[in-house]
Amino acid sequence: MSFITRAYFIRRNSCGSLPVYTDIRNGRTKYLISIRNVQGKVDSLANDLKQSLFSHNSPQADRLKVQVVAQRHLVVSGGRWKNDVISWLTSKGF
């Protein structure tokens, strides 16, 4: 068994789910996905998401925006990608 050391860690919440939430604003026209309680280097997680959530040169990758908020949270905007983010985090072992 091999362990991958990352510069960040995302702890599951008390229900056992990943802390990934959807925030819908502006009359249901703006979808924000928030990843909370990131421990470690949040900027590394933001860079990993930008680089590997979608393939390069795809329309989704062009619209994807990731912001660091309050040093422990990330906000992903540009589309309805909550399930994609959860699948990506699960594939990384979180």
Protein backbone atom coordinates (compact mmCIF):
# COMPACT_ATOMS: atom_id res chain seq x y z
CA MET A 1 0.00 0.00 0.00
CA SER A 2 1.37 3.42 -0.94
CA PHE A 3 0.43 6.73 0.59
CA ILE A 4 0.50 10.00 -1.30
CA THR A 5 1.49 13.01 0.75
CA ARG A 6 -0.35 16.16 -0.21
CA ALA A 7 0.12 19.70 1.00
CA TYR A 8 -3.56 19.85 1.98
CA PHE A 9 -6.19 17.70 3.66
CA ILE A 10 -9.99 17.85 3.59
CA ARG A 11 -11.63 16.38 6.66
CA ARG A 12 -15.11 14.89 6.26
CA ASN A 13 -17.95 16.41 8.27
CA SER A 14 -19.74 14.75 11.21
CA CYS A 15 -22.12 12.92 8.84
CA GLY A 16 -19.20 11.39 6.92
CA SER A 17 -19.68 13.53 3.81
CA LEU A 18 -17.17 15.75 2.09
CA PRO A 19 -17.67 19.43 3.01
CA VAL A 20 -18.70 20.49 -0.51
CA TYR A 21 -21.72 22.79 -0.67
CA THR A 22 -23.71 24.62 -3.35
CA ASP A 23 -24.68 28.28 -3.06
CA ILE A 24 -27.16 29.56 -5.65
CA ARG A 25 -27.38 33.34 -6.11
CA ASN A 26 -28.73 36.06 -8.43
CA GLY A 27 -32.11 34.54 -9.14
CA ARG A 28 -30.70 31.04 -9.71
CA THR A 29 -28.26 32.22 -12.39
CA LYS A 30 -24.99 32.04 -10.42
CA TYR A 31 -23.87 28.71 -8.97
CA LEU A 32 -21.01 28.65 -6.48
CA ILE A 33 -19.48 25.49 -5.05
CA SER A 34 -17.76 25.92 -1.73
CA ILE A 35 -15.18 23.51 -0.27
CA ARG A 36 -14.82 24.14 3.43
CA ASN A 37 -12.38 23.19 6.17
CA VAL A 38 -9.31 22.67 4.04
CA GLN A 39 -6.25 22.07 6.19
CA GLY A 40 -2.79 22.88 4.91
CA LYS A 41 -1.97 24.74 1.72
CA VAL A 42 -5.28 25.84 0.23
CA ASP A 43 -3.49 27.37 -2.77
CA SER A 44 -2.15 23.93 -3.73
CA LEU A 45 -5.68 22.52 -3.74
CA ALA A 46 -6.86 25.45 -5.88
CA ASN A 47 -4.05 24.83 -8.39
CA ASP A 48 -4.72 21.07 -8.49
CA LEU A 49 -8.42 21.70 -9.14
CA LYS A 50 -7.69 24.16 -11.94
CA GLN A 51 -5.22 21.81 -13.61
CA SER A 52 -6.95 18.46 -13.34
CA LEU A 53 -10.70 18.80 -12.76
CA PHE A 54 -11.35 19.17 -16.51
CA SER A 55 -9.13 18.46 -19.49
CA HIS A 56 -7.19 21.40 -20.88
CA ASN A 57 -8.76 23.37 -23.74
CA SER A 58 -12.27 22.16 -22.82
CA PRO A 59 -15.09 24.72 -22.47
CA GLN A 60 -15.47 23.79 -18.80
CA ALA A 61 -11.80 24.45 -18.08
CA ASP A 62 -12.11 27.90 -19.68
CA ARG A 63 -15.08 28.83 -17.45
CA LEU A 64 -13.64 27.35 -14.22
CA LYS A 65 -12.67 29.89 -11.58
CA VAL A 66 -11.29 28.94 -8.16
CA GLN A 67 -10.87 31.46 -5.33
CA VAL A 68 -9.39 31.06 -1.85
CA VAL A 69 -11.67 32.54 0.83
CA ALA A 70 -10.84 33.02 4.51
CA GLN A 71 -7.66 30.87 4.35
CA ARG A 72 -9.58 27.58 4.81
CA HIS A 73 -12.26 27.65 2.14
CA LEU A 74 -12.40 27.49 -1.64
CA VAL A 75 -15.12 28.81 -3.93
CA VAL A 76 -15.46 27.23 -7.37
CA SER A 77 -17.53 29.17 -9.90
CA GLY A 78 -18.40 28.94 -13.57
CA GLY A 79 -20.87 26.05 -13.68
CA ARG A 80 -22.87 23.37 -11.92
CA TRP A 81 -19.96 21.13 -11.00
CA LYS A 82 -20.63 19.96 -7.45
CA ASN A 83 -20.77 16.28 -8.45
CA ASP A 84 -17.60 16.67 -10.54
CA VAL A 85 -15.77 18.24 -7.59
CA ILE A 86 -16.95 15.49 -5.21
CA SER A 87 -15.89 12.78 -7.69
CA TRP A 88 -12.51 14.46 -8.13
CA LEU A 89 -11.94 14.67 -4.36
CA THR A 90 -13.02 11.04 -3.90
CA SER A 91 -10.65 9.89 -6.65
CA LYS A 92 -7.82 11.69 -4.80
CA GLY A 93 -8.55 9.69 -1.63
CA PHE A 94 -10.50 12.15 0.50
